């Protein structure tokens, strides 16, 4: 069954956790498309050209242990504004989305650009202070020392860059279901997303 769930939203809103949970619940494949851009960003930090890196990504690039670092996150956001980088990664994402077992893709332009015909589109969001607090706790757990004010400034700057880029700006698709997780715990947010997907699944014939 080809069934695509497109999940978009800003950094630290919870879309990654929700996407993994949705995929596990329904037995769908999952792709964190942000890792594609983080992998390109990591190679750019090492001195490579962004477009060349995007065209030659390998599984090893996706498994790098530093992809969640603040420096790589910023590099990913910068390379994501380059049209040639985005074009190099589009075909891979679309092919993944239409595999027969069903797929969940999370990112920033899945419902608007990559999979505009997705059967389900979700937009996961939360206030900037809430997202900054979540990101700060995550960084501390990983051993990164970064003050909360600096994390909030980073979140706000990234939001502005993602929403303001000319190519595939961050925004909810017109037919996306918006889930604001600011006042939700993760179990509640996951349950809300699963309910949306369950309602959209085709009913098997008797």
N, C-alpha and C. Protein backbone atom coordinates (compact mmCIF):
# COMPACT_ATOMS: atom_id res chain seq x y z
N UNK A 1 0.83 -1.20 0.00
CA UNK A 1 0.00 0.00 0.00
C UNK A 1 0.87 1.24 0.00
N UNK A 2 0.67 2.09 -0.97
CA UNK A 2 1.37 3.36 -1.00
C UNK A 2 0.56 4.39 -0.22
N UNK A 3 1.07 4.79 0.92
CA UNK A 3 0.36 5.73 1.80
C UNK A 3 1.42 6.60 2.44
N UNK A 4 1.32 7.91 2.21
CA UNK A 4 2.36 8.82 2.67
C UNK A 4 1.84 9.75 3.76
N UNK A 5 2.60 9.85 4.84
CA UNK A 5 2.31 10.81 5.90
C UNK A 5 3.42 11.86 5.87
N UNK A 6 3.05 13.10 5.59
CA UNK A 6 4.00 14.21 5.53
C UNK A 6 3.90 15.02 6.82
N UNK A 7 5.01 15.14 7.52
CA UNK A 7 5.00 15.85 8.80
C UNK A 7 6.04 16.97 8.76
N UNK A 8 5.56 18.19 8.87
CA UNK A 8 6.43 19.36 8.83
C UNK A 8 6.37 20.13 10.14
N UNK A 9 7.31 21.05 10.29
CA UNK A 9 7.29 21.92 11.47
C UNK A 9 8.67 22.45 11.78
N UNK A 10 8.75 23.45 12.65
CA UNK A 10 10.04 24.05 13.01
C UNK A 10 10.84 23.15 13.94
N UNK A 11 12.06 23.56 14.20
CA UNK A 11 12.97 22.78 15.05
C UNK A 11 12.42 22.65 16.46
N UNK A 12 12.58 21.45 17.03
CA UNK A 12 12.27 21.15 18.43
C UNK A 12 10.79 21.25 18.77
N UNK A 13 9.91 21.12 17.75
CA UNK A 13 8.47 21.12 18.02
C UNK A 13 7.98 19.73 18.40
N UNK A 14 8.79 18.71 18.12
CA UNK A 14 8.42 17.34 18.46
C UNK A 14 8.11 16.49 17.25
N UNK A 15 8.33 17.02 16.04
CA UNK A 15 7.92 16.27 14.85
C UNK A 15 8.72 14.99 14.65
N UNK A 16 9.99 14.98 15.05
CA UNK A 16 10.80 13.78 14.89
C UNK A 16 10.29 12.64 15.76
N UNK A 17 10.04 12.94 17.03
CA UNK A 17 9.52 11.93 17.95
C UNK A 17 8.15 11.44 17.50
N UNK A 18 7.30 12.38 17.09
CA UNK A 18 5.96 12.02 16.62
C UNK A 18 6.05 11.17 15.35
N UNK A 19 6.92 11.55 14.44
CA UNK A 19 7.06 10.80 13.18
C UNK A 19 7.50 9.37 13.42
N UNK A 20 8.48 9.19 14.29
CA UNK A 20 8.95 7.84 14.59
C UNK A 20 7.84 7.01 15.23
N UNK A 21 7.06 7.63 16.12
CA UNK A 21 5.99 6.91 16.79
C UNK A 21 4.88 6.53 15.81
N UNK A 22 4.54 7.44 14.90
CA UNK A 22 3.51 7.16 13.89
C UNK A 22 3.97 6.00 12.99
N UNK A 23 5.22 6.08 12.56
CA UNK A 23 5.76 5.02 11.69
C UNK A 23 5.72 3.67 12.39
N UNK A 24 6.12 3.65 13.65
CA UNK A 24 6.12 2.39 14.40
C UNK A 24 4.70 1.86 14.60
N UNK A 25 3.78 2.76 14.87
CA UNK A 25 2.38 2.34 15.13
C UNK A 25 1.76 1.67 13.91
N UNK A 26 2.04 2.18 12.71
CA UNK A 26 1.39 1.67 11.52
C UNK A 26 2.30 0.79 10.65
N UNK A 27 3.52 0.56 11.10
CA UNK A 27 4.44 -0.27 10.34
C UNK A 27 4.95 0.38 9.07
N UNK A 28 5.05 1.72 9.07
CA UNK A 28 5.53 2.46 7.91
C UNK A 28 7.04 2.71 8.03
N UNK A 29 7.68 2.89 6.88
CA UNK A 29 9.08 3.32 6.88
C UNK A 29 9.14 4.78 7.29
N UNK A 30 10.27 5.20 7.87
CA UNK A 30 10.40 6.59 8.34
C UNK A 30 11.67 7.22 7.79
N UNK A 31 11.55 8.46 7.36
CA UNK A 31 12.71 9.22 6.90
C UNK A 31 12.71 10.59 7.56
N UNK A 32 13.75 10.86 8.33
CA UNK A 32 13.99 12.20 8.88
C UNK A 32 14.76 12.97 7.81
N UNK A 33 14.04 13.76 7.01
CA UNK A 33 14.70 14.43 5.88
C UNK A 33 15.68 15.49 6.35
N UNK A 34 15.51 15.96 7.59
CA UNK A 34 16.48 16.91 8.11
C UNK A 34 17.88 16.34 8.18
N UNK A 35 17.98 15.00 8.38
CA UNK A 35 19.30 14.38 8.43
C UNK A 35 20.01 14.48 7.09
N UNK A 36 19.24 14.49 5.99
CA UNK A 36 19.87 14.67 4.67
C UNK A 36 20.60 16.00 4.62
N UNK A 37 19.93 17.05 5.09
CA UNK A 37 20.54 18.38 5.06
C UNK A 37 21.64 18.51 6.10
N UNK A 38 21.47 17.85 7.25
CA UNK A 38 22.53 17.87 8.24
C UNK A 38 23.78 17.16 7.72
N UNK A 39 23.57 16.07 6.99
CA UNK A 39 24.72 15.35 6.43
C UNK A 39 25.45 16.22 5.41
N UNK A 40 24.69 16.93 4.59
CA UNK A 40 25.32 17.86 3.64
C UNK A 40 26.04 18.97 4.41
N UNK A 41 25.38 19.52 5.43
CA UNK A 41 26.00 20.59 6.22
C UNK A 41 27.29 20.15 6.88
N UNK A 42 27.32 18.92 7.38
CA UNK A 42 28.53 18.41 8.03
C UNK A 42 29.68 18.33 7.03
N UNK A 43 29.38 17.91 5.81
CA UNK A 43 30.44 17.82 4.80
C UNK A 43 30.89 19.20 4.35
N UNK A 44 29.97 20.17 4.35
CA UNK A 44 30.35 21.54 4.02
C UNK A 44 31.28 22.11 5.09
N UNK A 45 30.98 21.81 6.36
CA UNK A 45 31.86 22.26 7.44
C UNK A 45 33.26 21.68 7.30
N UNK A 46 33.34 20.52 6.65
CA UNK A 46 34.64 19.88 6.43
C UNK A 46 35.34 20.41 5.18
N UNK A 47 34.69 21.38 4.50
CA UNK A 47 35.35 22.02 3.37
C UNK A 47 34.82 21.66 2.00
N UNK A 48 33.77 20.83 1.93
CA UNK A 48 33.25 20.42 0.64
C UNK A 48 32.24 21.42 0.08
N UNK A 49 32.02 21.33 -1.22
CA UNK A 49 30.98 22.11 -1.88
C UNK A 49 29.62 21.50 -1.55
N UNK A 50 28.63 22.35 -1.26
CA UNK A 50 27.33 21.87 -0.82
C UNK A 50 26.62 21.03 -1.88
N UNK A 51 26.63 21.48 -3.12
CA UNK A 51 25.92 20.77 -4.18
C UNK A 51 26.58 19.41 -4.44
N UNK A 52 27.91 19.40 -4.49
CA UNK A 52 28.63 18.14 -4.70
C UNK A 52 28.35 17.17 -3.56
N UNK A 53 28.29 17.68 -2.34
CA UNK A 53 28.01 16.82 -1.20
C UNK A 53 26.61 16.24 -1.29
N UNK A 54 25.63 17.08 -1.68
CA UNK A 54 24.24 16.62 -1.78
C UNK A 54 24.09 15.53 -2.83
N UNK A 55 24.86 15.62 -3.89
CA UNK A 55 24.76 14.65 -4.98
C UNK A 55 25.48 13.34 -4.70
N UNK A 56 26.23 13.29 -3.62
CA UNK A 56 27.04 12.09 -3.37
C UNK A 56 26.91 11.57 -1.94
N UNK A 57 25.77 11.83 -1.31
CA UNK A 57 25.57 11.34 0.05
C UNK A 57 25.60 9.81 0.09
N UNK A 58 26.12 9.28 1.17
CA UNK A 58 26.19 7.84 1.37
C UNK A 58 25.52 7.48 2.69
N UNK A 59 25.19 6.22 2.91
CA UNK A 59 24.64 5.81 4.21
C UNK A 59 25.55 6.19 5.37
N UNK A 60 26.86 6.17 5.14
CA UNK A 60 27.80 6.54 6.21
C UNK A 60 27.62 7.99 6.62
N UNK A 61 27.31 8.86 5.65
CA UNK A 61 27.07 10.27 5.96
C UNK A 61 25.89 10.42 6.90
N UNK A 62 24.85 9.59 6.71
CA UNK A 62 23.64 9.69 7.51
C UNK A 62 23.83 9.13 8.92
N UNK A 63 24.91 8.37 9.11
CA UNK A 63 25.15 7.73 10.40
C UNK A 63 26.20 8.46 11.24
N UNK A 64 26.67 9.61 10.77
CA UNK A 64 27.69 10.35 11.52
C UNK A 64 27.19 10.72 12.91
N UNK A 65 28.03 10.60 13.93
CA UNK A 65 27.59 10.90 15.30
C UNK A 65 27.43 12.38 15.60
N UNK A 66 27.95 13.26 14.73
CA UNK A 66 27.90 14.69 15.02
C UNK A 66 26.73 15.41 14.35
N UNK A 67 25.80 14.68 13.75
CA UNK A 67 24.74 15.34 12.98
C UNK A 67 23.78 16.15 13.85
N UNK A 68 23.73 15.87 15.15
CA UNK A 68 22.82 16.60 16.03
C UNK A 68 23.49 17.79 16.73
N UNK A 69 24.73 18.08 16.38
CA UNK A 69 25.43 19.18 17.04
C UNK A 69 24.89 20.53 16.57
N UNK A 70 24.99 21.58 17.41
CA UNK A 70 24.51 22.91 17.00
C UNK A 70 25.18 23.43 15.73
N UNK A 71 26.48 23.18 15.57
CA UNK A 71 27.19 23.69 14.40
C UNK A 71 26.65 23.06 13.12
N UNK A 72 26.41 21.76 13.16
CA UNK A 72 25.87 21.07 11.99
C UNK A 72 24.44 21.51 11.71
N UNK A 73 23.66 21.75 12.77
CA UNK A 73 22.29 22.22 12.59
C UNK A 73 22.26 23.55 11.86
N UNK A 74 23.16 24.45 12.25
CA UNK A 74 23.22 25.75 11.58
C UNK A 74 23.68 25.60 10.13
N UNK A 75 24.66 24.74 9.91
CA UNK A 75 25.15 24.51 8.55
C UNK A 75 24.04 23.92 7.68
N UNK A 76 23.25 23.02 8.25
CA UNK A 76 22.13 22.41 7.51
C UNK A 76 21.13 23.46 7.10
N UNK A 77 20.82 24.38 8.01
CA UNK A 77 19.86 25.44 7.69
C UNK A 77 20.39 26.34 6.58
N UNK A 78 21.69 26.56 6.57
CA UNK A 78 22.27 27.43 5.53
C UNK A 78 22.27 26.74 4.17
N UNK A 79 22.64 25.47 4.11
CA UNK A 79 22.69 24.79 2.81
C UNK A 79 21.29 24.53 2.27
N UNK A 80 20.30 24.45 3.17
CA UNK A 80 18.94 24.16 2.74
C UNK A 80 18.32 25.28 1.92
N UNK A 81 18.90 26.47 1.96
CA UNK A 81 18.36 27.57 1.16
C UNK A 81 18.87 27.52 -0.28
N UNK A 82 19.82 26.64 -0.57
CA UNK A 82 20.39 26.57 -1.92
C UNK A 82 19.54 25.68 -2.82
N UNK A 83 18.95 26.25 -3.88
CA UNK A 83 18.06 25.47 -4.75
C UNK A 83 18.69 24.20 -5.31
N UNK A 84 19.98 24.25 -5.67
CA UNK A 84 20.62 23.08 -6.26
C UNK A 84 20.78 21.95 -5.24
N UNK A 85 20.98 22.31 -3.99
CA UNK A 85 21.06 21.30 -2.93
C UNK A 85 19.70 20.63 -2.76
N UNK A 86 18.66 21.45 -2.70
CA UNK A 86 17.32 20.91 -2.52
C UNK A 86 16.94 20.01 -3.69
N UNK A 87 17.25 20.45 -4.90
CA UNK A 87 16.92 19.66 -6.09
C UNK A 87 17.61 18.31 -6.07
N UNK A 88 18.85 18.29 -5.60
CA UNK A 88 19.61 17.03 -5.57
C UNK A 88 18.99 16.01 -4.61
N UNK A 89 18.24 16.49 -3.62
CA UNK A 89 17.69 15.59 -2.61
C UNK A 89 16.21 15.27 -2.81
N UNK A 90 15.55 15.97 -3.73
CA UNK A 90 14.11 15.80 -3.92
C UNK A 90 13.75 14.41 -4.42
N UNK A 91 14.43 13.92 -5.44
CA UNK A 91 14.08 12.62 -6.02
C UNK A 91 14.19 11.50 -5.00
N UNK A 92 15.24 11.55 -4.19
CA UNK A 92 15.41 10.53 -3.16
C UNK A 92 14.22 10.52 -2.20
N UNK A 93 13.81 11.71 -1.77
CA UNK A 93 12.71 11.80 -0.82
C UNK A 93 11.39 11.33 -1.43
N UNK A 94 11.13 11.70 -2.67
CA UNK A 94 9.88 11.30 -3.30
C UNK A 94 9.82 9.80 -3.55
N UNK A 95 10.93 9.22 -3.93
CA UNK A 95 10.97 7.77 -4.11
C UNK A 95 10.70 7.05 -2.81
N UNK A 96 11.29 7.54 -1.73
CA UNK A 96 11.07 6.94 -0.41
C UNK A 96 9.60 7.04 -0.02
N UNK A 97 8.97 8.15 -0.34
CA UNK A 97 7.60 8.41 0.09
C UNK A 97 6.59 7.46 -0.53
N UNK A 98 6.85 6.97 -1.73
CA UNK A 98 5.84 6.18 -2.44
C UNK A 98 6.12 4.68 -2.40
N UNK A 99 6.99 4.23 -1.50
CA UNK A 99 7.23 2.80 -1.41
C UNK A 99 5.97 2.10 -0.92
N UNK A 100 5.83 0.85 -1.30
CA UNK A 100 4.59 0.13 -1.10
C UNK A 100 4.18 -0.11 0.33
N UNK A 101 5.12 -0.06 1.26
CA UNK A 101 4.80 -0.38 2.65
C UNK A 101 4.26 0.81 3.43
N UNK A 102 4.15 1.97 2.79
CA UNK A 102 3.75 3.18 3.50
C UNK A 102 4.97 3.89 4.06
N UNK A 103 4.88 5.21 4.18
CA UNK A 103 6.05 5.97 4.62
C UNK A 103 5.64 7.22 5.39
N UNK A 104 6.47 7.56 6.36
CA UNK A 104 6.35 8.81 7.10
C UNK A 104 7.62 9.60 6.84
N UNK A 105 7.46 10.83 6.36
CA UNK A 105 8.60 11.72 6.14
C UNK A 105 8.41 12.96 6.99
N UNK A 106 9.44 13.37 7.72
CA UNK A 106 9.34 14.62 8.45
C UNK A 106 10.42 15.58 8.00
N UNK A 107 10.06 16.85 7.97
CA UNK A 107 10.98 17.89 7.52
C UNK A 107 10.34 19.26 7.60
N UNK A 108 10.62 20.07 6.59
CA UNK A 108 10.10 21.43 6.58
C UNK A 108 9.31 21.77 5.32
N UNK A 109 9.40 20.90 4.29
CA UNK A 109 8.66 21.19 3.06
C UNK A 109 8.05 19.91 2.48
N UNK A 110 7.75 18.94 3.34
CA UNK A 110 7.25 17.66 2.84
C UNK A 110 5.84 17.82 2.28
N UNK A 111 4.95 18.41 3.05
CA UNK A 111 3.58 18.56 2.59
C UNK A 111 3.39 19.63 1.53
N UNK A 112 4.30 20.58 1.45
CA UNK A 112 4.15 21.68 0.49
C UNK A 112 4.88 21.44 -0.82
N UNK A 113 6.03 20.76 -0.78
CA UNK A 113 6.87 20.62 -1.97
C UNK A 113 7.17 19.17 -2.32
N UNK A 114 7.66 18.41 -1.37
CA UNK A 114 8.11 17.04 -1.66
C UNK A 114 6.93 16.13 -1.96
N UNK A 115 5.92 16.14 -1.10
CA UNK A 115 4.77 15.23 -1.25
C UNK A 115 3.46 16.00 -1.12
N UNK A 116 3.16 16.89 -2.06
CA UNK A 116 1.92 17.66 -1.95
C UNK A 116 0.66 16.81 -2.07
N UNK A 117 0.80 15.56 -2.57
CA UNK A 117 -0.35 14.66 -2.69
C UNK A 117 -0.39 13.64 -1.55
N UNK A 118 0.37 13.87 -0.50
CA UNK A 118 0.38 12.93 0.64
C UNK A 118 -1.03 12.72 1.18
N UNK A 119 -1.31 11.49 1.59
CA UNK A 119 -2.62 11.18 2.13
C UNK A 119 -2.90 11.88 3.45
N UNK A 120 -1.84 12.11 4.24
CA UNK A 120 -1.97 12.84 5.50
C UNK A 120 -0.87 13.88 5.57
N UNK A 121 -1.24 15.10 5.97
CA UNK A 121 -0.26 16.16 6.18
C UNK A 121 -0.46 16.72 7.59
N UNK A 122 0.59 16.71 8.35
CA UNK A 122 0.57 17.28 9.70
C UNK A 122 1.60 18.40 9.80
N UNK A 123 1.27 19.42 10.56
CA UNK A 123 2.22 20.49 10.84
C UNK A 123 2.34 20.57 12.35
N UNK A 124 3.51 20.19 12.86
CA UNK A 124 3.76 20.16 14.30
C UNK A 124 4.49 21.42 14.70
N UNK A 125 3.94 22.17 15.65
CA UNK A 125 4.56 23.42 16.04
C UNK A 125 4.50 23.59 17.55
N UNK A 126 5.17 24.62 18.04
CA UNK A 126 5.15 25.01 19.45
C UNK A 126 5.78 26.39 19.52
N UNK A 127 5.56 27.09 20.62
CA UNK A 127 6.12 28.43 20.76
C UNK A 127 7.65 28.37 20.79
N UNK A 128 8.28 29.46 20.39
CA UNK A 128 9.75 29.49 20.37
C UNK A 128 10.36 29.26 21.75
N UNK A 129 9.85 29.88 22.83
CA UNK A 129 10.44 29.60 24.15
C UNK A 129 10.32 28.14 24.57
N UNK A 130 9.20 27.52 24.27
CA UNK A 130 9.02 26.10 24.61
C UNK A 130 10.00 25.25 23.82
N UNK A 131 10.14 25.53 22.54
CA UNK A 131 11.05 24.75 21.71
C UNK A 131 12.50 24.96 22.14
N UNK A 132 12.83 26.19 22.53
CA UNK A 132 14.20 26.47 22.99
C UNK A 132 14.51 25.70 24.27
N UNK A 133 13.54 25.64 25.18
CA UNK A 133 13.75 24.90 26.43
C UNK A 133 13.96 23.42 26.15
N UNK A 134 13.18 22.87 25.21
CA UNK A 134 13.34 21.46 24.86
C UNK A 134 14.71 21.21 24.23
N UNK A 135 15.09 22.10 23.32
CA UNK A 135 16.38 21.94 22.64
C UNK A 135 17.53 22.08 23.63
N UNK A 136 17.41 23.00 24.58
CA UNK A 136 18.45 23.21 25.58
C UNK A 136 18.64 21.95 26.42
N UNK A 137 17.52 21.35 26.83
CA UNK A 137 17.60 20.11 27.62
C UNK A 137 18.25 18.99 26.81
N UNK A 138 17.92 18.91 25.54
CA UNK A 138 18.50 17.89 24.67
C UNK A 138 20.00 18.08 24.53
N UNK A 139 20.42 19.33 24.34
CA UNK A 139 21.85 19.62 24.19
C UNK A 139 22.61 19.31 25.47
N UNK A 140 22.03 19.65 26.61
CA UNK A 140 22.67 19.36 27.89
C UNK A 140 22.84 17.85 28.07
N UNK A 141 21.82 17.11 27.68
CA UNK A 141 21.88 15.65 27.81
C UNK A 141 22.98 15.06 26.93
N UNK A 142 23.27 15.76 25.82
CA UNK A 142 24.31 15.29 24.91
C UNK A 142 25.69 15.82 25.29
N UNK A 143 25.76 16.64 26.34
CA UNK A 143 27.03 17.16 26.80
C UNK A 143 27.47 18.46 26.15
N UNK A 144 26.55 19.10 25.41
CA UNK A 144 26.87 20.39 24.79
C UNK A 144 26.56 21.51 25.77
N UNK A 145 27.50 22.42 25.96
CA UNK A 145 27.28 23.55 26.87
C UNK A 145 26.85 24.77 26.05
N UNK A 146 25.58 25.17 26.23
CA UNK A 146 25.03 26.31 25.51
C UNK A 146 23.93 26.89 26.37
N UNK A 147 23.99 28.19 26.68
CA UNK A 147 23.00 28.82 27.53
C UNK A 147 21.62 28.85 26.89
N UNK A 148 20.59 28.91 27.73
CA UNK A 148 19.22 28.92 27.22
C UNK A 148 18.96 30.13 26.33
N UNK A 149 19.49 31.29 26.71
CA UNK A 149 19.27 32.48 25.88
C UNK A 149 19.89 32.30 24.49
N UNK A 150 21.05 31.69 24.44
CA UNK A 150 21.70 31.45 23.15
C UNK A 150 20.91 30.45 22.32
N UNK A 151 20.35 29.43 22.97
CA UNK A 151 19.54 28.45 22.25
C UNK A 151 18.29 29.11 21.69
N UNK A 152 17.65 29.97 22.49
CA UNK A 152 16.45 30.68 22.02
C UNK A 152 16.79 31.56 20.83
N UNK A 153 17.89 32.27 20.90
CA UNK A 153 18.30 33.12 19.77
C UNK A 153 18.55 32.28 18.53
N UNK A 154 19.14 31.11 18.73
CA UNK A 154 19.40 30.20 17.62
C UNK A 154 18.09 29.71 17.00
N UNK A 155 17.12 29.36 17.83
CA UNK A 155 15.82 28.88 17.35
C UNK A 155 15.11 29.98 16.56
N UNK A 156 15.11 31.19 17.10
CA UNK A 156 14.44 32.30 16.42
C UNK A 156 15.11 32.61 15.08
N UNK A 157 16.44 32.59 15.06
CA UNK A 157 17.16 32.87 13.82
C UNK A 157 16.90 31.79 12.78
N UNK A 158 16.85 30.56 13.24
CA UNK A 158 16.60 29.47 12.30
C UNK A 158 15.18 29.53 11.76
N UNK A 159 14.22 29.86 12.63
CA UNK A 159 12.84 30.02 12.17
C UNK A 159 12.75 31.07 11.06
N UNK A 160 13.42 32.20 11.29
CA UNK A 160 13.37 33.29 10.32
C UNK A 160 14.00 32.87 9.00
N UNK A 161 15.10 32.16 9.08
CA UNK A 161 15.78 31.71 7.86
C UNK A 161 14.93 30.68 7.12
N UNK A 162 14.35 29.73 7.86
CA UNK A 162 13.55 28.69 7.22
C UNK A 162 12.27 29.25 6.60
N UNK A 163 11.63 30.19 7.30
CA UNK A 163 10.37 30.75 6.80
C UNK A 163 10.60 31.79 5.70
N UNK A 164 11.78 32.39 5.69
CA UNK A 164 12.01 33.48 4.76
C UNK A 164 12.73 33.10 3.49
N UNK A 165 13.16 31.85 3.37
CA UNK A 165 13.90 31.47 2.17
C UNK A 165 12.97 31.47 0.95
N UNK A 166 13.53 31.78 -0.20
CA UNK A 166 12.74 31.84 -1.43
C UNK A 166 12.32 30.46 -1.90
N UNK A 167 13.19 29.48 -1.68
CA UNK A 167 12.93 28.11 -2.14
C UNK A 167 12.32 27.29 -1.01
N UNK A 168 11.08 26.84 -1.20
CA UNK A 168 10.39 25.97 -0.24
C UNK A 168 10.42 26.50 1.20
N UNK A 169 9.84 27.67 1.44
CA UNK A 169 9.83 28.20 2.80
C UNK A 169 9.02 27.33 3.75
N UNK A 170 9.39 27.38 5.02
CA UNK A 170 8.67 26.63 6.04
C UNK A 170 7.29 27.25 6.25
N UNK A 171 6.27 26.48 6.03
CA UNK A 171 4.89 26.90 6.28
C UNK A 171 4.00 25.66 6.23
N UNK A 172 2.86 25.69 6.91
CA UNK A 172 1.96 24.53 6.83
C UNK A 172 1.29 24.47 5.47
N UNK A 173 1.11 23.27 4.94
CA UNK A 173 0.32 23.10 3.72
C UNK A 173 -1.11 23.55 4.01
N UNK A 174 -1.80 24.00 2.96
CA UNK A 174 -3.14 24.50 3.15
C UNK A 174 -4.10 23.49 3.75
N UNK A 175 -3.86 22.20 3.47
CA UNK A 175 -4.73 21.15 3.99
C UNK A 175 -4.09 20.34 5.12
N UNK A 176 -3.06 20.89 5.74
CA UNK A 176 -2.41 20.19 6.85
C UNK A 176 -3.21 20.34 8.14
N UNK A 177 -3.16 19.32 8.96
CA UNK A 177 -3.70 19.39 10.32
C UNK A 177 -2.60 19.94 11.22
N UNK A 178 -2.86 21.07 11.87
CA UNK A 178 -1.86 21.70 12.73
C UNK A 178 -2.02 21.18 14.16
N UNK A 179 -0.91 20.71 14.72
CA UNK A 179 -0.88 20.26 16.12
C UNK A 179 0.13 21.10 16.86
N UNK A 180 -0.35 21.92 17.80
CA UNK A 180 0.51 22.77 18.61
C UNK A 180 0.83 22.02 19.89
N UNK A 181 2.10 21.67 20.07
CA UNK A 181 2.50 20.84 21.20
C UNK A 181 2.98 21.65 22.40
N UNK A 182 2.79 22.98 22.37
CA UNK A 182 3.31 23.83 23.45
C UNK A 182 2.84 23.37 24.83
N UNK A 183 1.57 22.97 24.92
CA UNK A 183 1.00 22.58 26.21
C UNK A 183 0.74 21.07 26.29
N UNK A 184 1.37 20.31 25.39
CA UNK A 184 1.16 18.86 25.37
C UNK A 184 2.39 18.12 25.85
N UNK A 185 2.17 16.99 26.56
CA UNK A 185 3.29 16.08 26.76
C UNK A 185 3.40 15.22 25.50
N UNK A 186 4.47 14.47 25.40
CA UNK A 186 4.74 13.77 24.14
C UNK A 186 3.69 12.70 23.87
N UNK A 187 3.20 12.03 24.91
CA UNK A 187 2.19 10.99 24.70
C UNK A 187 0.90 11.56 24.11
N UNK A 188 0.51 12.73 24.59
CA UNK A 188 -0.69 13.38 24.08
C UNK A 188 -0.51 13.80 22.63
N UNK A 189 0.66 14.35 22.33
CA UNK A 189 0.94 14.79 20.96
C UNK A 189 0.97 13.61 19.99
N UNK A 190 1.60 12.53 20.41
CA UNK A 190 1.66 11.33 19.57
C UNK A 190 0.25 10.78 19.33
N UNK A 191 -0.54 10.73 20.39
CA UNK A 191 -1.91 10.22 20.26
C UNK A 191 -2.72 11.06 19.29
N UNK A 192 -2.54 12.38 19.32
CA UNK A 192 -3.27 13.26 18.41
C UNK A 192 -2.88 12.98 16.96
N UNK A 193 -1.60 12.79 16.72
CA UNK A 193 -1.12 12.52 15.36
C UNK A 193 -1.61 11.16 14.87
N UNK A 194 -1.52 10.16 15.72
CA UNK A 194 -1.97 8.81 15.34
C UNK A 194 -3.46 8.81 15.01
N UNK A 195 -4.24 9.58 15.75
CA UNK A 195 -5.67 9.64 15.49
C UNK A 195 -5.96 10.22 14.10
N UNK A 196 -5.20 11.23 13.70
CA UNK A 196 -5.39 11.82 12.37
C UNK A 196 -5.07 10.80 11.28
N UNK A 197 -3.96 10.09 11.44
CA UNK A 197 -3.55 9.10 10.45
C UNK A 197 -4.56 7.96 10.39
N UNK A 198 -5.01 7.49 11.54
CA UNK A 198 -5.96 6.36 11.58
C UNK A 198 -7.24 6.69 10.84
N UNK A 199 -7.71 7.93 10.98
CA UNK A 199 -8.94 8.33 10.29
C UNK A 199 -8.77 8.34 8.77
N UNK A 200 -7.54 8.58 8.30
CA UNK A 200 -7.30 8.70 6.87
C UNK A 200 -6.98 7.38 6.20
N UNK A 201 -6.64 6.36 6.96
CA UNK A 201 -6.29 5.07 6.37
C UNK A 201 -7.50 4.45 5.67
N UNK A 202 -7.28 3.85 4.50
CA UNK A 202 -8.39 3.19 3.82
C UNK A 202 -8.87 1.99 4.63
N UNK A 203 -10.17 1.76 4.59
CA UNK A 203 -10.74 0.63 5.29
C UNK A 203 -10.59 -0.62 4.45
N UNK A 204 -10.01 -1.65 5.04
CA UNK A 204 -9.81 -2.90 4.31
C UNK A 204 -11.16 -3.55 4.01
N UNK A 205 -11.33 -4.11 2.80
CA UNK A 205 -12.59 -4.78 2.47
C UNK A 205 -12.79 -6.02 3.33
N UNK A 206 -14.04 -6.35 3.61
CA UNK A 206 -14.34 -7.54 4.41
C UNK A 206 -14.05 -8.81 3.61
